[in-house]
Amino acid sequence: MPTRTAALAAWLGGFGMPAHSAQAVPDDAELPYITFTPVSGAWGDGEQAVTVEIWRRTESEAEANADAEAIGRALGLGGVMLPCDGGGLWVKRGSPFWQAADSGEPGVKRRYINLSIENITTF
């Protein structure tokens, strides 16, 4: 089974672009890509806030918004369970779910997504 970080990276990478831990984006990474904050915890620790950011070179707000909405559709209203070492991660919508954010670079759109993750794990 994958680690928690690997499970989340694999799920996010299923949206048509690579996903990297925010602290480990390769120097040669090309847009578009997703960054996320890794999670840690165990059963009983409660929900943890996780930030996901989508980075896309485009002039289109609609295209960047569609990226965020695709993640929302995949989560639905009840979230998704991702199997990992020791159990699973229950990934749900955070609040607010997503918002546009300044990328700091002209022509690059950034979407800031809030997730809530509950560790359903034994460690």
PDB file of N, CA and C in Angstrom:
ATOM      1  N   MET A   1       0.828  -1.185   0.000  1.00  0.00           N
ATOM      2  CA  MET A   1       0.000   0.000   0.000  1.00  0.00           C
ATOM      3  C   MET A   1       0.876   1.254   0.000  1.00  0.00           C
ATOM      4  N   PRO A   2       0.400   2.317  -0.623  1.00  0.00           N
ATOM      5  CA  PRO A   2       1.199   3.555  -0.652  1.00  0.00           C
ATOM      6  C   PRO A   2       1.169   4.275   0.696  1.00  0.00           C
ATOM      7  N   THR A   3       2.132   5.136   0.894  1.00  0.00           N
ATOM      8  CA  THR A   3       2.110   6.028   2.049  1.00  0.00           C
ATOM      9  C   THR A   3       0.953   7.009   1.880  1.00  0.00           C
ATOM     10  N   ARG A   4       0.643   7.759   2.917  1.00  0.00           N
ATOM     11  CA  ARG A   4      -0.419   8.768   2.821  1.00  0.00           C
ATOM     12  C   ARG A   4      -0.098   9.797   1.752  1.00  0.00           C
ATOM     13  N   THR A   5       1.134  10.267   1.755  1.00  0.00           N
ATOM     14  CA  THR A   5       1.528  11.282   0.775  1.00  0.00           C
ATOM     15  C   THR A   5       1.434  10.726  -0.642  1.00  0.00           C
ATOM     16  N   ALA A   6       1.909   9.491  -0.838  1.00  0.00           N
ATOM     17  CA  ALA A   6       1.851   8.883  -2.172  1.00  0.00           C
ATOM     18  C   ALA A   6       0.407   8.644  -2.613  1.00  0.00           C
ATOM     19  N   ALA A   7      -0.458   8.248  -1.689  1.00  0.00           N
ATOM     20  CA  ALA A   7      -1.866   8.024  -2.029  1.00  0.00           C
ATOM     21  C   ALA A   7      -2.527   9.321  -2.475  1.00  0.00           C
ATOM     22  N   LEU A   8      -2.276  10.404  -1.746  1.00  0.00           N
ATOM     23  CA  LEU A   8      -2.854  11.692  -2.117  1.00  0.00           C
ATOM     24  C   LEU A   8      -2.273  12.196  -3.436  1.00  0.00           C
ATOM     25  N   ALA A   9      -0.967  12.036  -3.635  1.00  0.00           N
ATOM     26  CA  ALA A   9      -0.329  12.461  -4.891  1.00  0.00           C
ATOM     27  C   ALA A   9      -0.901  11.686  -6.079  1.00  0.00           C
ATOM     28  N   ALA A  10      -1.106  10.386  -5.913  1.00  0.00           N
ATOM     29  CA  ALA A  10      -1.646   9.578  -7.005  1.00  0.00           C
ATOM     30  C   ALA A  10      -3.069  10.005  -7.349  1.00  0.00           C
ATOM     31  N   TRP A  11      -3.891  10.256  -6.336  1.00  0.00           N
ATOM     32  CA  TRP A  11      -5.271  10.669  -6.591  1.00  0.00           C
ATOM     33  C   TRP A  11      -5.302  12.027  -7.298  1.00  0.00           C
ATOM     34  N   LEU A  12      -4.552  12.980  -6.785  1.00  0.00           N
ATOM     35  CA  LEU A  12      -4.516  14.307  -7.410  1.00  0.00           C
ATOM     36  C   LEU A  12      -3.913  14.254  -8.803  1.00  0.00           C
ATOM     37  N   GLY A  13      -2.945  13.358  -9.016  1.00  0.00           N
ATOM     38  CA  GLY A  13      -2.332  13.208 -10.331  1.00  0.00           C
ATOM     39  C   GLY A  13      -3.285  12.635 -11.369  1.00  0.00           C
ATOM     40  N   GLY A  14      -4.429  12.139 -10.931  1.00  0.00           N
ATOM     41  CA  GLY A  14      -5.432  11.605 -11.847  1.00  0.00           C
ATOM     42  C   GLY A  14      -6.261  12.686 -12.529  1.00  0.00           C
ATOM     43  N   PHE A  15      -5.967  13.947 -12.272  1.00  0.00           N
ATOM     44  CA  PHE A  15      -6.722  15.045 -12.874  1.00  0.00           C
ATOM     45  C   PHE A  15      -6.000  15.656 -14.069  1.00  0.00           C
ATOM     46  N   GLY A  16      -5.145  14.871 -14.707  1.00  0.00           N
ATOM     47  CA  GLY A  16      -4.538  15.298 -15.962  1.00  0.00           C
ATOM     48  C   GLY A  16      -3.267  16.103 -15.850  1.00  0.00           C
ATOM     49  N   MET A  17      -2.706  16.166 -14.662  1.00  0.00           N
ATOM     50  CA  MET A  17      -1.439  16.882 -14.491  1.00  0.00           C
ATOM     51  C   MET A  17      -0.716  16.267 -13.295  1.00  0.00           C
ATOM     52  N   PRO A  18       0.609  16.362 -13.269  1.00  0.00           N
ATOM     53  CA  PRO A  18       1.345  15.781 -12.140  1.00  0.00           C
ATOM     54  C   PRO A  18       1.039  16.514 -10.838  1.00  0.00           C
ATOM     55  N   ALA A  19       1.121  15.782  -9.736  1.00  0.00           N
ATOM     56  CA  ALA A  19       0.917  16.359  -8.409  1.00  0.00           C
ATOM     57  C   ALA A  19       2.191  16.173  -7.595  1.00  0.00           C
ATOM     58  N   HIS A  20       2.605  17.241  -6.933  1.00  0.00           N
ATOM     59  CA  HIS A  20       3.841  17.225  -6.144  1.00  0.00           C
ATOM     60  C   HIS A  20       3.563  17.751  -4.744  1.00  0.00           C
ATOM     61  N   SER A  21       4.262  17.200  -3.764  1.00  0.00           N
ATOM     62  CA  SER A  21       4.266  17.802  -2.440  1.00  0.00           C
ATOM     63  C   SER A  21       4.771  19.235  -2.612  1.00  0.00           C
ATOM     64  N   ALA A  22       4.150  20.187  -1.925  1.00  0.00           N
ATOM     65  CA  ALA A  22       4.534  21.594  -2.084  1.00  0.00           C
ATOM     66  C   ALA A  22       6.003  21.827  -1.755  1.00  0.00           C
ATOM     67  N   GLN A  23       6.583  20.965  -0.920  1.00  0.00           N
ATOM     68  CA  GLN A  23       7.981  21.122  -0.534  1.00  0.00           C
ATOM     69  C   GLN A  23       8.931  20.386  -1.475  1.00  0.00           C
ATOM     70  N   ALA A  24       8.394  19.709  -2.485  1.00  0.00           N
ATOM     71  CA  ALA A  24       9.255  18.889  -3.337  1.00  0.00           C
ATOM     72  C   ALA A  24       8.916  19.028  -4.821  1.00  0.00           C
ATOM     73  N   VAL A  25       8.604  20.234  -5.258  1.00  0.00           N
ATOM     74  CA  VAL A  25       8.346  20.448  -6.686  1.00  0.00           C
ATOM     75  C   VAL A  25       9.681  20.420  -7.406  1.00  0.00           C
ATOM     76  N   PRO A  26       9.821  19.539  -8.413  1.00  0.00           N
ATOM     77  CA  PRO A  26      11.094  19.478  -9.132  1.00  0.00           C
ATOM     78  C   PRO A  26      11.436  20.812  -9.797  1.00  0.00           C
ATOM     79  N   ASP A  27      12.702  21.128  -9.858  1.00  0.00           N
ATOM     80  CA  ASP A  27      13.141  22.371 -10.490  1.00  0.00           C
ATOM     81  C   ASP A  27      12.722  22.449 -11.951  1.00  0.00           C
ATOM     82  N   ASP A  28      12.620  21.299 -12.608  1.00  0.00           N
ATOM     83  CA  ASP A  28      12.277  21.276 -14.026  1.00  0.00           C
ATOM     84  C   ASP A  28      10.788  21.009 -14.281  1.00  0.00           C
ATOM     85  N   ALA A  29       9.948  21.147 -13.245  1.00  0.00           N
ATOM     86  CA  ALA A  29       8.513  20.915 -13.410  1.00  0.00           C
ATOM     87  C   ALA A  29       7.928  21.920 -14.394  1.00  0.00           C
ATOM     88  N   GLU A  30       7.090  21.414 -15.281  1.00  0.00           N
ATOM     89  CA  GLU A  30       6.434  22.259 -16.275  1.00  0.00           C
ATOM     90  C   GLU A  30       4.957  22.371 -15.955  1.00  0.00           C
ATOM     91  N   LEU A  31       4.408  23.559 -16.179  1.00  0.00           N
ATOM     92  CA  LEU A  31       2.981  23.769 -15.965  1.00  0.00           C
ATOM     93  C   LEU A  31       2.180  23.049 -17.034  1.00  0.00           C
ATOM     94  N   PRO A  32       0.987  22.551 -16.712  1.00  0.00           N
ATOM     95  CA  PRO A  32       0.299  22.654 -15.434  1.00  0.00           C
ATOM     96  C   PRO A  32       0.756  21.572 -14.461  1.00  0.00           C
ATOM     97  N   TYR A  33       0.600  21.890 -13.177  1.00  0.00           N
ATOM     98  CA  TYR A  33       0.810  20.885 -12.136  1.00  0.00           C
ATOM     99  C   TYR A  33       0.035  21.278 -10.891  1.00  0.00           C
ATOM    100  N   ILE A  34      -0.050  20.330  -9.966  1.00  0.00           N
ATOM    101  CA  ILE A  34      -0.749  20.502  -8.703  1.00  0.00           C
ATOM    102  C   ILE A  34       0.269  20.388  -7.584  1.00  0.00           C
ATOM    103  N   THR A  35       0.141  21.239  -6.567  1.00  0.00           N
ATOM    104  CA  THR A  35       0.932  21.081  -5.349  1.00  0.00           C
ATOM    105  C   THR A  35      -0.031  20.846  -4.184  1.00  0.00           C
ATOM    106  N   PHE A  36       0.460  20.159  -3.147  1.00  0.00           N
ATOM    107  CA  PHE A  36      -0.368  19.892  -1.973  1.00  0.00           C
ATOM    108  C   PHE A  36       0.513  19.804  -0.743  1.00  0.00           C
ATOM    109  N   THR A  37      -0.113  20.015   0.414  1.00  0.00           N
ATOM    110  CA  THR A  37       0.597  19.848   1.675  1.00  0.00           C
ATOM    111  C   THR A  37       0.398  18.416   2.140  1.00  0.00           C
ATOM    112  N   PRO A  38       1.467  17.716   2.504  1.00  0.00           N
ATOM    113  CA  PRO A  38       1.318  16.339   2.983  1.00  0.00           C
ATOM    114  C   PRO A  38       0.537  16.287   4.295  1.00  0.00           C
ATOM    115  N   VAL A  39      -0.041  15.133   4.590  1.00  0.00           N
ATOM    116  CA  VAL A  39      -0.837  14.953   5.803  1.00  0.00           C
ATOM    117  C   VAL A  39      -0.199  13.916   6.712  1.00  0.00           C
ATOM    118  N   SER A  40      -0.488  14.027   7.977  1.00  0.00           N
ATOM    119  CA  SER A  40      -0.019  13.051   8.951  1.00  0.00           C
ATOM    120  C   SER A  40      -1.066  12.961  10.045  1.00  0.00           C
ATOM    121  N   GLY A  41      -1.155  11.821  10.667  1.00  0.00           N
ATOM    122  CA  GLY A  41      -2.115  11.655  11.750  1.00  0.00           C
ATOM    123  C   GLY A  41      -2.577  10.223  11.827  1.00  0.00           C
ATOM    124  N   ALA A  42      -3.482   9.980  12.754  1.00  0.00           N
ATOM    125  CA  ALA A  42      -4.012   8.632  12.964  1.00  0.00           C
ATOM    126  C   ALA A  42      -5.482   8.740  13.361  1.00  0.00           C
ATOM    127  N   TRP A  43      -6.127   7.601  13.435  1.00  0.00           N
ATOM    128  CA  TRP A  43      -7.518   7.521  13.843  1.00  0.00           C
ATOM    129  C   TRP A  43      -7.695   8.304  15.141  1.00  0.00           C
ATOM    130  N   GLY A  44      -8.696   9.134  15.202  1.00  0.00           N
ATOM    131  CA  GLY A  44      -8.980   9.890  16.408  1.00  0.00           C
ATOM    132  C   GLY A  44      -8.356  11.271  16.447  1.00  0.00           C
ATOM    133  N   ASP A  45      -7.482  11.594  15.511  1.00  0.00           N
ATOM    134  CA  ASP A  45      -6.852  12.915  15.496  1.00  0.00           C
ATOM    135  C   ASP A  45      -7.780  13.997  14.948  1.00  0.00           C
ATOM    136  N   GLY A  46      -8.889  13.603  14.381  1.00  0.00           N
ATOM    137  CA  GLY A  46      -9.808  14.581  13.793  1.00  0.00           C
ATOM    138  C   GLY A  46      -9.407  14.962  12.382  1.00  0.00           C
ATOM    139  N   GLU A  47     -10.160  15.876  11.821  1.00  0.00           N
ATOM    140  CA  GLU A  47      -9.911  16.309  10.446  1.00  0.00           C
ATOM    141  C   GLU A  47      -8.741  17.279  10.399  1.00  0.00           C
ATOM    142  N   GLN A  48      -7.968  17.171   9.322  1.00  0.00           N
ATOM    143  CA  GLN A  48      -6.821  18.049   9.116  1.00  0.00           C
ATOM    144  C   GLN A  48      -7.026  18.840   7.831  1.00  0.00           C
ATOM    145  N   ALA A  49      -6.700  20.117   7.891  1.00  0.00           N
ATOM    146  CA  ALA A  49      -6.807  20.973   6.715  1.00  0.00           C
ATOM    147  C   ALA A  49      -5.618  20.725   5.800  1.00  0.00           C
ATOM    148  N   VAL A  50      -5.903  20.558   4.530  1.00  0.00           N
ATOM    149  CA  VAL A  50      -4.867  20.336   3.525  1.00  0.00           C
ATOM    150  C   VAL A  50      -5.095  21.327   2.383  1.00  0.00           C
ATOM    151  N   THR A  51      -4.026  21.960   1.961  1.00  0.00           N
ATOM    152  CA  THR A  51      -4.081  22.914   0.861  1.00  0.00           C
ATOM    153  C   THR A  51      -3.626  22.244  -0.425  1.00  0.00           C
ATOM    154  N   VAL A  52      -4.406  22.441  -1.474  1.00  0.00           N
ATOM    155  CA  VAL A  52      -4.061  21.977  -2.822  1.00  0.00           C
ATOM    156  C   VAL A  52      -4.047  23.215  -3.711  1.00  0.00           C
ATOM    157  N   GLU A  53      -3.032  23.331  -4.542  1.00  0.00           N
ATOM    158  CA  GLU A  53      -2.972  24.456  -5.468  1.00  0.00           C
ATOM    159  C   GLU A  53      -2.770  23.937  -6.887  1.00  0.00           C
ATOM    160  N   ILE A  54      -3.576  24.450  -7.786  1.00  0.00           N
ATOM    161  CA  ILE A  54      -3.455  24.122  -9.203  1.00  0.00           C
ATOM    162  C   ILE A  54      -2.771  25.298  -9.879  1.00  0.00           C
ATOM    163  N   TRP A  55      -1.740  25.013 -10.639  1.00  0.00           N
ATOM    164  CA  TRP A  55      -0.958  26.020 -11.361  1.00  0.00           C
ATOM    165  C   TRP A  55      -1.077  25.725 -12.853  1.00  0.00           C
ATOM    166  N   ARG A  56      -1.563  26.690 -13.637  1.00  0.00           N
ATOM    167  CA  ARG A  56      -1.762  26.476 -15.073  1.00  0.00           C
ATOM    168  C   ARG A  56      -1.396  27.745 -15.833  1.00  0.00           C
ATOM    169  N   ARG A  57      -0.605  27.580 -16.900  1.00  0.00           N
ATOM    170  CA  ARG A  57      -0.289  28.716 -17.771  1.00  0.00           C
ATOM    171  C   ARG A  57      -1.419  28.844 -18.783  1.00  0.00           C
ATOM    172  N   THR A  58      -2.204  29.902 -18.619  1.00  0.00           N
ATOM    173  CA  THR A  58      -3.337  30.151 -19.496  1.00  0.00           C
ATOM    174  C   THR A  58      -3.833  31.568 -19.259  1.00  0.00           C
ATOM    175  N   GLU A  59      -4.518  32.118 -20.218  1.00  0.00           N
ATOM    176  CA  GLU A  59      -5.194  33.399 -20.040  1.00  0.00           C
ATOM    177  C   GLU A  59      -6.649  33.176 -19.652  1.00  0.00           C
ATOM    178  N   SER A  60      -7.088  31.934 -19.670  1.00  0.00           N
ATOM    179  CA  SER A  60      -8.486  31.594 -19.474  1.00  0.00           C
ATOM    180  C   SER A  60      -8.812  31.311 -18.007  1.00  0.00           C
ATOM    181  N   GLU A  61      -9.656  32.157 -17.430  1.00  0.00           N
ATOM    182  CA  GLU A  61     -10.155  31.881 -16.079  1.00  0.00           C
ATOM    183  C   GLU A  61     -11.022  30.627 -16.098  1.00  0.00           C
ATOM    184  N   ALA A  62     -11.787  30.441 -17.175  1.00  0.00           N
ATOM    185  CA  ALA A  62     -12.687  29.295 -17.269  1.00  0.00           C
ATOM    186  C   ALA A  62     -11.916  27.977 -17.229  1.00  0.00           C
ATOM    187  N   GLU A  63     -10.789  27.921 -17.906  1.00  0.00           N
ATOM    188  CA  GLU A  63      -9.991  26.697 -17.925  1.00  0.00           C
ATOM    189  C   GLU A  63      -9.446  26.384 -16.524  1.00  0.00           C
ATOM    190  N   ALA A  64      -8.955  27.398 -15.850  1.00  0.00           N
ATOM    191  CA  ALA A  64      -8.440  27.203 -14.493  1.00  0.00           C
ATOM    192  C   ALA A  64      -9.564  26.822 -13.532  1.00  0.00           C
ATOM    193  N   ASN A  65     -10.718  27.450 -13.673  1.00  0.00           N
ATOM    194  CA  ASN A  65     -11.866  27.111 -12.829  1.00  0.00           C
ATOM    195  C   ASN A  65     -12.313  25.668 -13.057  1.00  0.00           C
ATOM    196  N   ALA A  66     -12.279  25.218 -14.306  1.00  0.00           N
ATOM    197  CA  ALA A  66     -12.687  23.846 -14.628  1.00  0.00           C
ATOM    198  C   ALA A  66     -11.785  22.828 -13.938  1.00  0.00           C
ATOM    199  N   ASP A  67     -10.500  23.141 -13.803  1.00  0.00           N
ATOM    200  CA  ASP A  67      -9.589  22.246 -13.091  1.00  0.00           C
ATOM    201  C   ASP A  67     -10.057  22.043 -11.651  1.00  0.00           C
ATOM    202  N   ALA A  68     -10.384  23.139 -10.970  1.00  0.00           N
ATOM    203  CA  ALA A  68     -10.843  23.053  -9.577  1.00  0.00           C
ATOM    204  C   ALA A  68     -12.183  22.337  -9.485  1.00  0.00           C
ATOM    205  N   GLU A  69     -13.079  22.622 -10.405  1.00  0.00           N
ATOM    206  CA  GLU A  69     -14.398  21.985 -10.382  1.00  0.00           C
ATOM    207  C   GLU A  69     -14.311  20.479 -10.627  1.00  0.00           C
ATOM    208  N   ALA A  70     -13.318  20.033 -11.405  1.00  0.00           N
ATOM    209  CA  ALA A  70     -13.146  18.594 -11.638  1.00  0.00           C
ATOM    210  C   ALA A  70     -12.844  17.871 -10.323  1.00  0.00           C
ATOM    211  N   ILE A  71     -12.026  18.487  -9.484  1.00  0.00           N
ATOM    212  CA  ILE A  71     -11.734  17.890  -8.177  1.00  0.00           C
ATOM    213  C   ILE A  71     -13.002  17.875  -7.335  1.00  0.00           C
ATOM    214  N   GLY A  72     -13.769  18.941  -7.381  1.00  0.00           N
ATOM    215  CA  GLY A  72     -15.029  18.995  -6.646  1.00  0.00           C
ATOM    216  C   GLY A  72     -16.002  17.913  -7.067  1.00  0.00           C
ATOM    217  N   ARG A  73     -16.119  17.685  -8.369  1.00  0.00           N
ATOM    218  CA  ARG A  73     -17.011  16.624  -8.854  1.00  0.00           C
ATOM    219  C   ARG A  73     -16.547  15.255  -8.376  1.00  0.00           C
ATOM    220  N   ALA A  74     -15.241  15.036  -8.383  1.00  0.00           N
ATOM    221  CA  ALA A  74     -14.712  13.743  -7.938  1.00  0.00           C
ATOM    222  C   ALA A  74     -14.988  13.508  -6.448  1.00  0.00           C
ATOM    223  N   LEU A  75     -14.945  14.561  -5.656  1.00  0.00           N
ATOM    224  CA  LEU A  75     -15.224  14.450  -4.226  1.00  0.00           C
ATOM    225  C   LEU A  75     -16.711  14.255  -3.944  1.00  0.00           C
ATOM    226  N   GLY A  76     -17.556  14.824  -4.805  1.00  0.00           N
ATOM    227  CA  GLY A  76     -18.982  14.767  -4.539  1.00  0.00           C
ATOM    228  C   GLY A  76     -19.290  15.423  -3.206  1.00  0.00           C
ATOM    229  N   LEU A  77     -20.374  15.008  -2.573  1.00  0.00           N
ATOM    230  CA  LEU A  77     -20.738  15.587  -1.288  1.00  0.00           C
ATOM    231  C   LEU A  77     -20.174  14.802  -0.119  1.00  0.00           C
ATOM    232  N   GLY A  78     -19.830  13.532  -0.334  1.00  0.00           N
ATOM    233  CA  GLY A  78     -19.364  12.699   0.766  1.00  0.00           C
ATOM    234  C   GLY A  78     -17.878  12.455   0.810  1.00  0.00           C
ATOM    235  N   GLY A  79     -17.147  12.926  -0.182  1.00  0.00           N
ATOM    236  CA  GLY A  79     -15.705  12.722  -0.216  1.00  0.00           C
ATOM    237  C   GLY A  79     -15.326  11.385  -0.834  1.00  0.00           C
ATOM    238  N   VAL A  80     -14.044  11.079  -0.785  1.00  0.00           N
ATOM    239  CA  VAL A  80     -13.518   9.824  -1.312  1.00  0.00           C
ATOM    240  C   VAL A  80     -12.583   9.199  -0.280  1.00  0.00           C
ATOM    241  N   MET A  81     -12.494   7.884  -0.307  1.00  0.00           N
ATOM    242  CA  MET A  81     -11.584   7.155   0.568  1.00  0.00           C
ATOM    243  C   MET A  81     -10.402   6.689  -0.269  1.00  0.00           C
ATOM    244  N   LEU A  82      -9.183   7.051   0.160  1.00  0.00           N
ATOM    245  CA  LEU A  82      -7.964   6.644  -0.532  1.00  0.00           C
ATOM    246  C   LEU A  82      -7.233   5.613   0.322  1.00  0.00           C
ATOM    247  N   PRO A  83      -7.076   4.391  -0.165  1.00  0.00           N
ATOM    248  CA  PRO A  83      -6.331   3.389   0.603  1.00  0.00           C
ATOM    249  C   PRO A  83      -4.868   3.795   0.754  1.00  0.00           C
ATOM    250  N   CYS A  84      -4.305   3.535   1.926  1.00  0.00           N
ATOM    251  CA  CYS A  84      -2.894   3.815   2.185  1.00  0.00           C
ATOM    252  C   CYS A  84      -2.398   2.890   3.293  1.00  0.00           C
ATOM    253  N   ASP A  85      -1.094   2.951   3.572  1.00  0.00           N
ATOM    254  CA  ASP A  85      -0.521   2.153   4.659  1.00  0.00           C
ATOM    255  C   ASP A  85      -1.325   2.347   5.933  1.00  0.00           C
ATOM    256  N   GLY A  86      -1.730   1.275   6.550  1.00  0.00           N
ATOM    257  CA  GLY A  86      -2.414   1.342   7.836  1.00  0.00           C
ATOM    258  C   GLY A  86      -3.883   1.662   7.767  1.00  0.00           C
ATOM    259  N   GLY A  87      -4.456   1.833   6.578  1.00  0.00           N
ATOM    260  CA  GLY A  87      -5.885   2.121   6.478  1.00  0.00           C
ATOM    261  C   GLY A  87      -6.227   2.973   5.284  1.00  0.00           C
ATOM    262  N   GLY A  88      -6.678   4.201   5.539  1.00  0.00           N
ATOM    263  CA  GLY A  88      -7.084   5.061   4.435  1.00  0.00           C
ATOM    264  C   GLY A  88      -7.167   6.517   4.832  1.00  0.00           C
ATOM    265  N   LEU A  89      -7.308   7.352   3.812  1.00  0.00           N
ATOM    266  CA  LEU A  89      -7.523   8.784   3.984  1.00  0.00           C
ATOM    267  C   LEU A  89      -8.926   9.100   3.478  1.00  0.00           C
ATOM    268  N   TRP A  90      -9.733   9.728   4.309  1.00  0.00           N
ATOM    269  CA  TRP A  90     -11.055  10.175   3.895  1.00  0.00           C
ATOM    270  C   TRP A  90     -10.909  11.634   3.494  1.00  0.00           C
ATOM    271  N   VAL A  91     -10.946  11.891   2.194  1.00  0.00           N
ATOM    272  CA  VAL A  91     -10.718  13.225   1.635  1.00  0.00           C
ATOM    273  C   VAL A  91     -12.070  13.868   1.353  1.00  0.00           C
ATOM    274  N   LYS A  92     -12.280  15.059   1.930  1.00  0.00           N
ATOM    275  CA  LYS A  92     -13.553  15.768   1.802  1.00  0.00           C
ATOM    276  C   LYS A  92     -13.299  17.231   1.437  1.00  0.00           C
ATOM    277  N   ARG A  93     -14.360  17.905   1.078  1.00  0.00           N
ATOM    278  CA  ARG A  93     -14.281  19.336   0.775  1.00  0.00           C
ATOM    279  C   ARG A  93     -13.997  20.122   2.044  1.00  0.00           C
ATOM    280  N   GLY A  94     -13.070  21.089   1.936  1.00  0.00           N
ATOM    281  CA  GLY A  94     -12.870  22.054   3.006  1.00  0.00           C
ATOM    282  C   GLY A  94     -13.731  23.277   2.723  1.00  0.00           C
ATOM    283  N   SER A  95     -13.581  24.310   3.537  1.00  0.00           N
ATOM    284  CA  SER A  95     -14.387  25.501   3.346  1.00  0.00           C
ATOM    285  C   SER A  95     -13.512  26.752   3.477  1.00  0.00           C
ATOM    286  N   PRO A  96     -13.602  27.671   2.507  1.00  0.00           N
ATOM    287  CA  PRO A  96     -14.309  27.518   1.242  1.00  0.00           C
ATOM    288  C   PRO A  96     -13.601  26.469   0.386  1.00  0.00           C
ATOM    289  N   PHE A  97     -14.339  25.833  -0.501  1.00  0.00           N
ATOM    290  CA  PHE A  97     -13.750  24.736  -1.262  1.00  0.00           C
ATOM    291  C   PHE A  97     -12.610  25.225  -2.153  1.00  0.00           C
ATOM    292  N   TRP A  98     -12.861  26.194  -3.031  1.00  0.00           N
ATOM    293  CA  TRP A  98     -11.760  26.726  -3.842  1.00  0.00           C
ATOM    294  C   TRP A  98     -11.952  28.211  -4.083  1.00  0.00           C
ATOM    295  N   GLN A  99     -10.834  28.826  -4.413  1.00  0.00           N
ATOM    296  CA  GLN A  99     -10.852  30.247  -4.759  1.00  0.00           C
ATOM    297  C   GLN A  99      -9.699  30.557  -5.704  1.00  0.00           C
ATOM    298  N   ALA A 100      -9.887  31.602  -6.478  1.00  0.00           N
ATOM    299  CA  ALA A 100      -8.801  32.075  -7.342  1.00  0.00           C
ATOM    300  C   ALA A 100      -7.772  32.763  -6.458  1.00  0.00           C
ATOM    301  N   ALA A 101      -6.510  32.613  -6.802  1.00  0.00           N
ATOM    302  CA  ALA A 101      -5.433  33.236  -6.035  1.00  0.00           C
ATOM    303  C   ALA A 101      -4.388  33.777  -7.003  1.00  0.00           C
ATOM    304  N   ASP A 102      -3.690  34.796  -6.577  1.00  0.00           N
ATOM    305  CA  ASP A 102      -2.650  35.403  -7.403  1.00  0.00           C
ATOM    306  C   ASP A 102      -1.457  34.450  -7.496  1.00  0.00           C
ATOM    307  N   SER A 103      -1.010  34.198  -8.706  1.00  0.00           N
ATOM    308  CA  SER A 103       0.140  33.313  -8.902  1.00  0.00           C
ATOM    309  C   SER A 103       1.455  34.065  -8.788  1.00  0.00           C
ATOM    310  N   GLY A 104       1.396  35.379  -8.911  1.00  0.00           N
ATOM    311  CA  GLY A 104       2.615  36.170  -8.891  1.00  0.00           C
ATOM    312  C   GLY A 104       3.323  36.224 -10.232  1.00  0.00           C
ATOM    313  N   GLU A 105       2.733  35.594 -11.235  1.00  0.00           N
ATOM    314  CA  GLU A 105       3.354  35.558 -12.562  1.00  0.00           C
ATOM    315  C   GLU A 105       2.290  35.802 -13.631  1.00  0.00           C
ATOM    316  N   PRO A 106       2.471  36.788 -14.518  1.00  0.00           N
ATOM    317  CA  PRO A 106       1.490  37.030 -15.571  1.00  0.00           C
ATOM    318  C   PRO A 106       1.282  35.787 -16.438  1.00  0.00           C
ATOM    319  N   GLY A 107       0.032  35.529 -16.764  1.00  0.00           N
ATOM    320  CA  GLY A 107      -0.288  34.394 -17.627  1.00  0.00           C
ATOM    321  C   GLY A 107      -0.361  33.065 -16.913  1.00  0.00           C
ATOM    322  N   VAL A 108      -0.160  33.049 -15.603  1.00  0.00           N
ATOM    323  CA  VAL A 108      -0.273  31.811 -14.829  1.00  0.00           C
ATOM    324  C   VAL A 108      -1.447  31.964 -13.876  1.00  0.00           C
ATOM    325  N   LYS A 109      -2.384  31.035 -13.980  1.00  0.00           N
ATOM    326  CA  LYS A 109      -3.553  31.023 -13.103  1.00  0.00           C
ATOM    327  C   LYS A 109      -3.297  30.033 -11.969  1.00  0.00           C
ATOM    328  N   ARG A 110      -3.772  30.400 -10.786  1.00  0.00           N
ATOM    329  CA  ARG A 110      -3.616  29.549  -9.607  1.00  0.00           C
ATOM    330  C   ARG A 110      -4.968  29.403  -8.933  1.00  0.00           C
ATOM    331  N   ARG A 111      -5.304  28.173  -8.595  1.00  0.00           N
ATOM    332  CA  ARG A 111      -6.532  27.910  -7.852  1.00  0.00           C
ATOM    333  C   ARG A 111      -6.139  27.274  -6.531  1.00  0.00           C
ATOM    334  N   TYR A 112      -6.650  27.837  -5.459  1.00  0.00           N
ATOM    335  CA  TYR A 112      -6.341  27.432  -4.092  1.00  0.00           C
ATOM    336  C   TYR A 112      -7.530  26.618  -3.594  1.00  0.00           C
ATOM    337  N   ILE A 113      -7.296  25.348  -3.262  1.00  0.00           N
ATOM    338  CA  ILE A 113      -8.361  24.430  -2.869  1.00  0.00           C
ATOM    339  C   ILE A 113      -8.134  23.994  -1.425  1.00  0.00           C
ATOM    340  N   ASN A 114      -9.204  24.027  -0.646  1.00  0.00           N
ATOM    341  CA  ASN A 114      -9.161  23.550   0.731  1.00  0.00           C
ATOM    342  C   ASN A 114      -9.795  22.172   0.818  1.00  0.00           C
ATOM    343  N   LEU A 115      -9.028  21.224   1.327  1.00  0.00           N
ATOM    344  CA  LEU A 115      -9.542  19.886   1.586  1.00  0.00           C
ATOM    345  C   LEU A 115      -9.511  19.640   3.086  1.00  0.00           C
ATOM    346  N   SER A 116     -10.345  18.734   3.514  1.00  0.00           N
ATOM    347  CA  SER A 116     -10.340  18.259   4.891  1.00  0.00           C
ATOM    348  C   SER A 116     -10.075  16.762   4.817  1.00  0.00           C
ATOM    349  N   ILE A 117      -9.025  16.315   5.495  1.00  0.00           N
ATOM    350  CA  ILE A 117      -8.660  14.900   5.425  1.00  0.00           C
ATOM    351  C   ILE A 117      -8.693  14.294   6.811  1.00  0.00           C
ATOM    352  N   GLU A 118      -9.398  13.167   6.901  1.00  0.00           N
ATOM    353  CA  GLU A 118      -9.448  12.418   8.143  1.00  0.00           C
ATOM    354  C   GLU A 118      -8.638  11.138   7.937  1.00  0.00           C
ATOM    355  N   ASN A 119      -7.699  10.903   8.827  1.00  0.00           N
ATOM    356  CA  ASN A 119      -6.886   9.699   8.749  1.00  0.00           C
ATOM    357  C   ASN A 119      -7.648   8.533   9.371  1.00  0.00           C
ATOM    358  N   ILE A 120      -7.976   7.572   8.561  1.00  0.00           N
ATOM    359  CA  ILE A 120      -8.616   6.361   9.046  1.00  0.00           C
ATOM    360  C   ILE A 120      -7.505   5.301   9.049  1.00  0.00           C
ATOM    361  N   THR A 121      -6.516   5.540   9.907  1.00  0.00           N
ATOM    362  CA  THR A 121      -5.318   4.711   9.928  1.00  0.00           C
ATOM    363  C   THR A 121      -4.996   4.271  11.345  1.00  0.00           C
ATOM    364  N   THR A 122      -4.186   3.242  11.461  1.00  0.00           N
ATOM    365  CA  THR A 122      -3.823   2.697  12.763  1.00  0.00           C
ATOM    366  C   THR A 122      -2.599   3.349  13.361  1.00  0.00           C
ATOM    367  N   PHE A 123      -1.938   4.221  12.623  1.00  0.00           N
ATOM    368  CA  PHE A 123      -0.749   4.899  13.148  1.00  0.00           C
ATOM    369  C   PHE A 123      -0.699   6.312  12.676  1.00  0.00           C
TER     370      PHE A 123
END
